[in-house]
Amino acid sequence: MTEHITHNPKETEKIAREIVANILSDTKRKEATMLALYGDLGSGKTNFAQAAAKEFGVEETVPSPTFILLRAYDILKNDFTKFIHIDAYRLKDEGELHQIGWDDIKKDSRNIILVEWADRIEKAIPKNAIKIYFEHISEHERKITIKI
């Protein structure tokens, strides 16, 4: 477990780049690589998601997928072919994931899955997911805790 205190979005983006670099150095994947993001509204999750997507090679703008649940982007980086951004905020529970083909998505080792509001679907988050917790400390400070 590591903790970071950030003071601005640029510092959050730096942490995202570091995590992505670690993921890209791992070549022993048997299923999708998952980043599970936890934290209150405005705590930095979407900023982190956008920076991670860019580092994985997503060229499009990455908005929050709140109203459509999932956005998938094509990438080609270290055998990864899809960056899948899920916003679970509007889900009642993990059972609703079946409508997006959750089981197939998480089995594919070529997928990067980033889930915002992972607490809403906690039972569906694999044990080997990288869990990242965002917490407000003050107006300009956030604590980011990473559990790998």
N, C-alpha and C. Protein backbone atom coordinates (compact mmCIF):
# COMPACT_ATOMS: atom_id res chain seq x y z
N MET A 1 0.85 -1.17 0.00
CA MET A 1 0.00 0.00 0.00
C MET A 1 0.90 1.24 0.00
N THR A 2 0.57 2.17 -0.88
CA THR A 2 1.29 3.44 -0.91
C THR A 2 0.28 4.58 -0.84
N GLU A 3 0.72 5.67 -0.22
CA GLU A 3 -0.13 6.85 -0.11
C GLU A 3 0.59 8.05 -0.70
N HIS A 4 -0.18 8.90 -1.35
CA HIS A 4 0.33 10.14 -1.93
C HIS A 4 -0.61 11.27 -1.56
N ILE A 5 -0.05 12.44 -1.35
CA ILE A 5 -0.84 13.65 -1.18
C ILE A 5 -0.61 14.48 -2.44
N THR A 6 -1.70 14.86 -3.12
CA THR A 6 -1.58 15.69 -4.31
C THR A 6 -2.18 17.06 -4.03
N HIS A 7 -1.66 18.05 -4.75
CA HIS A 7 -2.09 19.43 -4.55
C HIS A 7 -2.75 20.02 -5.79
N ASN A 8 -2.72 19.27 -6.89
CA ASN A 8 -3.30 19.76 -8.14
C ASN A 8 -3.47 18.59 -9.11
N PRO A 9 -4.23 18.78 -10.16
CA PRO A 9 -4.47 17.70 -11.13
C PRO A 9 -3.18 17.15 -11.76
N LYS A 10 -2.19 17.99 -11.97
CA LYS A 10 -0.92 17.53 -12.58
C LYS A 10 -0.25 16.46 -11.72
N GLU A 11 -0.32 16.62 -10.41
CA GLU A 11 0.28 15.62 -9.51
C GLU A 11 -0.51 14.31 -9.56
N THR A 12 -1.83 14.40 -9.69
CA THR A 12 -2.65 13.19 -9.84
C THR A 12 -2.30 12.49 -11.15
N GLU A 13 -2.13 13.26 -12.21
CA GLU A 13 -1.76 12.69 -13.52
C GLU A 13 -0.41 11.98 -13.45
N LYS A 14 0.52 12.53 -12.70
CA LYS A 14 1.85 11.89 -12.55
C LYS A 14 1.71 10.52 -11.90
N ILE A 15 0.85 10.42 -10.88
CA ILE A 15 0.63 9.12 -10.22
C ILE A 15 0.03 8.14 -11.22
N ALA A 16 -0.92 8.59 -12.03
CA ALA A 16 -1.52 7.72 -13.06
C ALA A 16 -0.44 7.21 -14.02
N ARG A 17 0.45 8.09 -14.46
CA ARG A 17 1.52 7.67 -15.39
C ARG A 17 2.42 6.62 -14.75
N GLU A 18 2.73 6.78 -13.47
CA GLU A 18 3.58 5.81 -12.77
C GLU A 18 2.90 4.45 -12.67
N ILE A 19 1.62 4.44 -12.35
CA ILE A 19 0.89 3.17 -12.25
C ILE A 19 0.82 2.49 -13.62
N VAL A 20 0.54 3.25 -14.66
CA VAL A 20 0.48 2.68 -16.01
C VAL A 20 1.84 2.10 -16.40
N ALA A 21 2.92 2.79 -16.09
CA ALA A 21 4.26 2.26 -16.39
C ALA A 21 4.47 0.91 -15.72
N ASN A 22 4.03 0.77 -14.48
CA ASN A 22 4.15 -0.52 -13.77
C ASN A 22 3.30 -1.60 -14.44
N ILE A 23 2.11 -1.24 -14.85
CA ILE A 23 1.23 -2.21 -15.52
C ILE A 23 1.86 -2.67 -16.84
N LEU A 24 2.39 -1.74 -17.59
CA LEU A 24 2.97 -2.08 -18.89
C LEU A 24 4.22 -2.95 -18.76
N SER A 25 4.86 -2.91 -17.61
CA SER A 25 6.05 -3.74 -17.41
C SER A 25 5.69 -5.17 -17.03
N ASP A 26 4.43 -5.43 -16.68
CA ASP A 26 3.98 -6.77 -16.30
C ASP A 26 3.51 -7.51 -17.55
N THR A 27 4.16 -8.60 -17.87
CA THR A 27 3.80 -9.36 -19.07
C THR A 27 3.14 -10.71 -18.75
N LYS A 28 2.82 -10.96 -17.49
CA LYS A 28 2.27 -12.26 -17.08
C LYS A 28 0.78 -12.20 -16.81
N ARG A 29 0.03 -11.59 -17.71
CA ARG A 29 -1.41 -11.43 -17.51
C ARG A 29 -2.17 -12.66 -17.99
N LYS A 30 -3.16 -13.08 -17.20
CA LYS A 30 -4.04 -14.18 -17.60
C LYS A 30 -5.46 -13.70 -17.83
N GLU A 31 -5.75 -12.49 -17.37
CA GLU A 31 -7.07 -11.89 -17.56
C GLU A 31 -6.89 -10.38 -17.65
N ALA A 32 -7.98 -9.66 -17.81
CA ALA A 32 -7.91 -8.20 -17.93
C ALA A 32 -7.22 -7.60 -16.71
N THR A 33 -6.55 -6.48 -16.94
CA THR A 33 -5.96 -5.71 -15.86
C THR A 33 -6.99 -4.68 -15.43
N MET A 34 -7.27 -4.64 -14.13
CA MET A 34 -8.33 -3.77 -13.65
C MET A 34 -7.81 -2.75 -12.65
N LEU A 35 -8.22 -1.50 -12.87
CA LEU A 35 -8.00 -0.41 -11.93
C LEU A 35 -9.35 -0.06 -11.36
N ALA A 36 -9.52 -0.22 -10.05
CA ALA A 36 -10.78 0.06 -9.38
C ALA A 36 -10.62 1.33 -8.58
N LEU A 37 -11.38 2.37 -8.94
CA LEU A 37 -11.26 3.68 -8.31
C LEU A 37 -12.41 3.92 -7.34
N TYR A 38 -12.05 4.39 -6.15
CA TYR A 38 -13.00 4.65 -5.07
C TYR A 38 -12.83 6.10 -4.62
N GLY A 39 -13.92 6.74 -4.25
CA GLY A 39 -13.82 8.09 -3.70
C GLY A 39 -15.04 8.91 -4.01
N ASP A 40 -15.18 9.99 -3.27
CA ASP A 40 -16.32 10.88 -3.41
C ASP A 40 -16.26 11.67 -4.71
N LEU A 41 -17.36 12.28 -5.04
CA LEU A 41 -17.47 13.16 -6.19
C LEU A 41 -16.44 14.28 -6.07
N GLY A 42 -15.71 14.53 -7.15
CA GLY A 42 -14.73 15.61 -7.16
C GLY A 42 -13.42 15.29 -6.49
N SER A 43 -13.17 14.02 -6.20
CA SER A 43 -11.94 13.66 -5.49
C SER A 43 -10.76 13.35 -6.41
N GLY A 44 -10.99 13.35 -7.73
CA GLY A 44 -9.88 13.15 -8.67
C GLY A 44 -9.95 11.90 -9.52
N LYS A 45 -11.01 11.11 -9.39
CA LYS A 45 -11.10 9.85 -10.14
C LYS A 45 -11.08 10.05 -11.65
N THR A 46 -11.89 10.96 -12.15
CA THR A 46 -11.97 11.17 -13.60
C THR A 46 -10.67 11.77 -14.12
N ASN A 47 -10.07 12.68 -13.39
CA ASN A 47 -8.77 13.24 -13.78
C ASN A 47 -7.74 12.12 -13.91
N PHE A 48 -7.72 11.22 -12.93
CA PHE A 48 -6.82 10.07 -12.95
C PHE A 48 -7.13 9.18 -14.16
N ALA A 49 -8.41 8.90 -14.39
CA ALA A 49 -8.82 8.04 -15.50
C ALA A 49 -8.37 8.61 -16.84
N GLN A 50 -8.53 9.90 -17.01
CA GLN A 50 -8.13 10.55 -18.26
C GLN A 50 -6.63 10.46 -18.48
N ALA A 51 -5.86 10.67 -17.42
CA ALA A 51 -4.40 10.59 -17.53
C ALA A 51 -3.96 9.16 -17.82
N ALA A 52 -4.58 8.19 -17.17
CA ALA A 52 -4.24 6.78 -17.42
C ALA A 52 -4.56 6.40 -18.86
N ALA A 53 -5.72 6.80 -19.34
CA ALA A 53 -6.12 6.50 -20.71
C ALA A 53 -5.10 7.05 -21.70
N LYS A 54 -4.71 8.28 -21.49
CA LYS A 54 -3.72 8.91 -22.38
C LYS A 54 -2.41 8.13 -22.37
N GLU A 55 -1.99 7.71 -21.18
CA GLU A 55 -0.73 6.97 -21.06
C GLU A 55 -0.81 5.60 -21.72
N PHE A 56 -1.99 5.00 -21.73
CA PHE A 56 -2.19 3.72 -22.41
C PHE A 56 -2.31 3.89 -23.93
N GLY A 57 -2.38 5.13 -24.39
CA GLY A 57 -2.40 5.37 -25.82
C GLY A 57 -3.75 5.74 -26.40
N VAL A 58 -4.73 6.04 -25.54
CA VAL A 58 -6.03 6.49 -26.04
C VAL A 58 -5.83 7.90 -26.60
N GLU A 59 -6.21 8.09 -27.84
CA GLU A 59 -6.01 9.39 -28.49
C GLU A 59 -7.22 10.31 -28.38
N GLU A 60 -8.39 9.73 -28.18
CA GLU A 60 -9.61 10.54 -28.06
C GLU A 60 -9.69 11.18 -26.68
N THR A 61 -10.54 12.19 -26.57
CA THR A 61 -10.86 12.77 -25.27
C THR A 61 -11.65 11.72 -24.50
N VAL A 62 -11.36 11.56 -23.22
CA VAL A 62 -12.02 10.55 -22.39
C VAL A 62 -12.94 11.23 -21.38
N PRO A 63 -14.22 11.39 -21.75
CA PRO A 63 -15.17 11.97 -20.79
C PRO A 63 -15.62 10.91 -19.80
N SER A 64 -16.23 11.33 -18.73
CA SER A 64 -16.81 10.38 -17.80
C SER A 64 -17.98 9.68 -18.50
N PRO A 65 -18.06 8.36 -18.42
CA PRO A 65 -19.13 7.64 -19.11
C PRO A 65 -20.40 7.50 -18.28
N THR A 66 -20.64 8.41 -17.36
CA THR A 66 -21.75 8.31 -16.40
C THR A 66 -23.08 7.90 -17.03
N PHE A 67 -23.46 8.52 -18.12
CA PHE A 67 -24.80 8.25 -18.66
C PHE A 67 -24.86 7.06 -19.59
N ILE A 68 -23.72 6.53 -20.00
CA ILE A 68 -23.77 5.34 -20.86
C ILE A 68 -23.08 4.14 -20.23
N LEU A 69 -22.56 4.27 -19.05
CA LEU A 69 -21.95 3.20 -18.27
C LEU A 69 -20.56 2.79 -18.74
N LEU A 70 -20.37 2.60 -20.04
CA LEU A 70 -19.10 2.08 -20.53
C LEU A 70 -18.70 2.77 -21.83
N ARG A 71 -17.43 3.07 -21.92
CA ARG A 71 -16.83 3.52 -23.18
C ARG A 71 -15.59 2.66 -23.40
N ALA A 72 -15.44 2.16 -24.61
CA ALA A 72 -14.28 1.34 -24.96
C ALA A 72 -13.47 2.06 -26.02
N TYR A 73 -12.16 2.04 -25.84
CA TYR A 73 -11.24 2.71 -26.76
C TYR A 73 -10.23 1.71 -27.27
N ASP A 74 -9.92 1.79 -28.55
CA ASP A 74 -8.88 0.94 -29.13
C ASP A 74 -7.52 1.48 -28.74
N ILE A 75 -6.63 0.58 -28.33
CA ILE A 75 -5.25 0.93 -28.03
C ILE A 75 -4.35 -0.18 -28.55
N LEU A 76 -3.11 0.11 -28.70
CA LEU A 76 -2.09 -0.89 -29.02
C LEU A 76 -0.87 -0.57 -28.17
N LYS A 77 -0.78 -1.21 -27.03
CA LYS A 77 0.32 -0.93 -26.12
C LYS A 77 0.63 -2.21 -25.35
N ASN A 78 1.80 -2.78 -25.57
CA ASN A 78 2.24 -3.99 -24.86
C ASN A 78 1.18 -5.09 -24.87
N ASP A 79 0.65 -5.38 -26.02
CA ASP A 79 -0.36 -6.42 -26.23
C ASP A 79 -1.76 -6.06 -25.71
N PHE A 80 -1.94 -4.89 -25.16
CA PHE A 80 -3.29 -4.44 -24.80
C PHE A 80 -3.96 -3.90 -26.06
N THR A 81 -5.25 -4.20 -26.22
CA THR A 81 -5.97 -3.72 -27.40
C THR A 81 -7.19 -2.86 -27.08
N LYS A 82 -7.67 -2.89 -25.83
CA LYS A 82 -8.84 -2.10 -25.43
C LYS A 82 -8.61 -1.47 -24.06
N PHE A 83 -9.00 -0.19 -23.97
CA PHE A 83 -9.09 0.50 -22.70
C PHE A 83 -10.59 0.69 -22.46
N ILE A 84 -11.10 0.08 -21.41
CA ILE A 84 -12.53 0.10 -21.13
C ILE A 84 -12.76 0.91 -19.86
N HIS A 85 -13.50 2.00 -20.01
CA HIS A 85 -13.76 2.93 -18.92
C HIS A 85 -15.21 2.74 -18.48
N ILE A 86 -15.40 2.33 -17.25
CA ILE A 86 -16.74 2.07 -16.72
C ILE A 86 -17.00 3.02 -15.55
N ASP A 87 -18.19 3.59 -15.54
CA ASP A 87 -18.63 4.43 -14.42
C ASP A 87 -19.81 3.71 -13.79
N ALA A 88 -19.60 3.17 -12.59
CA ALA A 88 -20.62 2.35 -11.93
C ALA A 88 -21.54 3.17 -11.03
N TYR A 89 -21.45 4.48 -11.08
CA TYR A 89 -22.23 5.33 -10.17
C TYR A 89 -23.72 5.05 -10.21
N ARG A 90 -24.27 4.84 -11.38
CA ARG A 90 -25.72 4.66 -11.52
C ARG A 90 -26.18 3.20 -11.38
N LEU A 91 -25.25 2.30 -11.12
CA LEU A 91 -25.63 0.89 -10.96
C LEU A 91 -26.14 0.63 -9.55
N LYS A 92 -27.14 -0.23 -9.46
CA LYS A 92 -27.67 -0.61 -8.15
C LYS A 92 -26.77 -1.65 -7.50
N ASP A 93 -26.27 -2.58 -8.34
CA ASP A 93 -25.39 -3.63 -7.83
C ASP A 93 -24.66 -4.29 -9.01
N GLU A 94 -23.82 -5.24 -8.67
CA GLU A 94 -22.99 -5.90 -9.69
C GLU A 94 -23.80 -6.70 -10.71
N GLY A 95 -25.00 -7.10 -10.37
CA GLY A 95 -25.84 -7.87 -11.30
C GLY A 95 -26.11 -7.13 -12.60
N GLU A 96 -26.12 -5.81 -12.56
CA GLU A 96 -26.38 -5.03 -13.76
C GLU A 96 -25.21 -5.06 -14.76
N LEU A 97 -24.06 -5.57 -14.33
CA LEU A 97 -22.90 -5.65 -15.23
C LEU A 97 -23.09 -6.67 -16.35
N HIS A 98 -23.98 -7.61 -16.17
CA HIS A 98 -24.18 -8.65 -17.19
C HIS A 98 -24.64 -8.07 -18.52
N GLN A 99 -25.37 -6.96 -18.48
CA GLN A 99 -25.86 -6.35 -19.71
C GLN A 99 -24.75 -5.76 -20.58
N ILE A 100 -23.55 -5.56 -20.01
CA ILE A 100 -22.44 -5.05 -20.81
C ILE A 100 -21.41 -6.14 -21.14
N GLY A 101 -21.73 -7.39 -20.83
CA GLY A 101 -20.81 -8.49 -21.13
C GLY A 101 -19.62 -8.55 -20.19
N TRP A 102 -19.85 -8.23 -18.92
CA TRP A 102 -18.79 -8.14 -17.91
C TRP A 102 -17.88 -9.36 -17.87
N ASP A 103 -18.45 -10.56 -17.87
CA ASP A 103 -17.62 -11.76 -17.74
C ASP A 103 -16.62 -11.88 -18.89
N ASP A 104 -17.05 -11.60 -20.10
CA ASP A 104 -16.15 -11.67 -21.25
C ASP A 104 -15.11 -10.54 -21.21
N ILE A 105 -15.54 -9.36 -20.82
CA ILE A 105 -14.62 -8.21 -20.76
C ILE A 105 -13.48 -8.49 -19.79
N LYS A 106 -13.80 -9.01 -18.62
CA LYS A 106 -12.75 -9.19 -17.61
C LYS A 106 -11.88 -10.42 -17.85
N LYS A 107 -12.31 -11.32 -18.71
CA LYS A 107 -11.50 -12.50 -19.03
C LYS A 107 -10.40 -12.21 -20.04
N ASP A 108 -10.59 -11.19 -20.86
CA ASP A 108 -9.67 -10.91 -21.96
C ASP A 108 -8.42 -10.20 -21.46
N SER A 109 -7.28 -10.86 -21.50
CA SER A 109 -6.03 -10.31 -20.99
C SER A 109 -5.52 -9.12 -21.80
N ARG A 110 -6.16 -8.84 -22.92
CA ARG A 110 -5.76 -7.68 -23.74
C ARG A 110 -6.52 -6.42 -23.33
N ASN A 111 -7.40 -6.54 -22.33
CA ASN A 111 -8.20 -5.40 -21.87
C ASN A 111 -7.59 -4.74 -20.64
N ILE A 112 -7.65 -3.42 -20.63
CA ILE A 112 -7.43 -2.62 -19.43
C ILE A 112 -8.83 -2.14 -19.05
N ILE A 113 -9.24 -2.39 -17.83
CA ILE A 113 -10.55 -1.94 -17.36
C ILE A 113 -10.32 -0.96 -16.22
N LEU A 114 -10.89 0.22 -16.36
CA LEU A 114 -10.83 1.20 -15.30
C LEU A 114 -12.26 1.47 -14.86
N VAL A 115 -12.53 1.23 -13.58
CA VAL A 115 -13.88 1.38 -13.03
C VAL A 115 -13.91 2.52 -12.02
N GLU A 116 -14.70 3.55 -12.34
CA GLU A 116 -14.96 4.60 -11.35
C GLU A 116 -16.17 4.18 -10.52
N TRP A 117 -16.18 4.56 -9.26
CA TRP A 117 -17.23 4.18 -8.32
C TRP A 117 -17.27 2.66 -8.13
N ALA A 118 -16.09 2.07 -7.97
CA ALA A 118 -15.97 0.62 -7.83
C ALA A 118 -16.70 0.08 -6.60
N ASP A 119 -16.91 0.92 -5.61
CA ASP A 119 -17.62 0.47 -4.40
C ASP A 119 -19.04 0.01 -4.72
N ARG A 120 -19.63 0.51 -5.82
CA ARG A 120 -21.00 0.13 -6.20
C ARG A 120 -21.08 -1.31 -6.70
N ILE A 121 -19.94 -1.84 -7.14
CA ILE A 121 -19.92 -3.20 -7.70
C ILE A 121 -18.82 -4.03 -7.04
N GLU A 122 -18.57 -3.76 -5.78
CA GLU A 122 -17.44 -4.36 -5.05
C GLU A 122 -17.34 -5.88 -5.23
N LYS A 123 -18.46 -6.57 -5.19
CA LYS A 123 -18.42 -8.04 -5.29
C LYS A 123 -17.92 -8.51 -6.64
N ALA A 124 -17.98 -7.66 -7.66
CA ALA A 124 -17.53 -8.03 -9.01
C ALA A 124 -16.06 -7.67 -9.26
N ILE A 125 -15.45 -6.93 -8.36
CA ILE A 125 -14.06 -6.51 -8.54
C ILE A 125 -13.14 -7.69 -8.17
N PRO A 126 -12.30 -8.12 -9.10
CA PRO A 126 -11.39 -9.25 -8.81
C PRO A 126 -10.41 -8.91 -7.69
N LYS A 127 -9.98 -9.93 -6.99
CA LYS A 127 -9.04 -9.74 -5.89
C LYS A 127 -7.72 -9.14 -6.35
N ASN A 128 -7.34 -9.41 -7.59
CA ASN A 128 -6.05 -8.90 -8.09
C ASN A 128 -6.15 -7.51 -8.72
N ALA A 129 -7.29 -6.86 -8.58
CA ALA A 129 -7.45 -5.50 -9.12
C ALA A 129 -6.54 -4.53 -8.35
N ILE A 130 -6.10 -3.50 -9.05
CA ILE A 130 -5.36 -2.42 -8.41
C ILE A 130 -6.43 -1.47 -7.87
N LYS A 131 -6.48 -1.33 -6.56
CA LYS A 131 -7.51 -0.50 -5.93
C LYS A 131 -6.89 0.84 -5.56
N ILE A 132 -7.56 1.91 -6.00
CA ILE A 132 -7.05 3.25 -5.78
C ILE A 132 -8.14 4.08 -5.11
N TYR A 133 -7.82 4.60 -3.93
CA TYR A 133 -8.76 5.34 -3.11
C TYR A 133 -8.41 6.83 -3.13
N PHE A 134 -9.41 7.66 -3.42
CA PHE A 134 -9.24 9.10 -3.50
C PHE A 134 -10.01 9.74 -2.34
N GLU A 135 -9.34 10.63 -1.63
CA GLU A 135 -9.97 11.26 -0.47
C GLU A 135 -9.66 12.76 -0.44
N HIS A 136 -10.69 13.57 -0.19
CA HIS A 136 -10.50 15.01 -0.01
C HIS A 136 -9.79 15.25 1.32
N ILE A 137 -8.74 16.03 1.29
CA ILE A 137 -8.12 16.47 2.54
C ILE A 137 -8.47 17.94 2.78
N SER A 138 -8.37 18.71 1.72
CA SER A 138 -8.75 20.12 1.76
C SER A 138 -9.19 20.52 0.35
N GLU A 139 -9.47 21.78 0.16
CA GLU A 139 -9.94 22.24 -1.16
C GLU A 139 -8.96 21.87 -2.28
N HIS A 140 -7.67 21.91 -2.01
CA HIS A 140 -6.67 21.65 -3.05
C HIS A 140 -5.83 20.41 -2.79
N GLU A 141 -6.12 19.66 -1.75
CA GLU A 141 -5.32 18.48 -1.45
C GLU A 141 -6.18 17.22 -1.49
N ARG A 142 -5.59 16.19 -2.05
CA ARG A 142 -6.22 14.88 -2.09
C ARG A 142 -5.23 13.84 -1.58
N LYS A 143 -5.76 12.85 -0.90
CA LYS A 143 -4.92 11.70 -0.53
C LYS A 143 -5.30 10.57 -1.48
N ILE A 144 -4.30 10.00 -2.10
CA ILE A 144 -4.52 8.87 -3.01
C ILE A 144 -3.79 7.67 -2.42
N THR A 145 -4.55 6.62 -2.13
CA THR A 145 -4.01 5.41 -1.55
C THR A 145 -4.12 4.29 -2.58
N ILE A 146 -3.01 3.62 -2.84
CA ILE A 146 -2.96 2.57 -3.86
C ILE A 146 -2.71 1.23 -3.17
N LYS A 147 -3.60 0.28 -3.45
CA LYS A 147 -3.46 -1.08 -2.91
C LYS A 147 -3.33 -2.06 -4.08
N ILE A 148 -2.18 -2.67 -4.18
CA ILE A 148 -1.93 -3.61 -5.27
C ILE A 148 -1.90 -5.03 -4.71
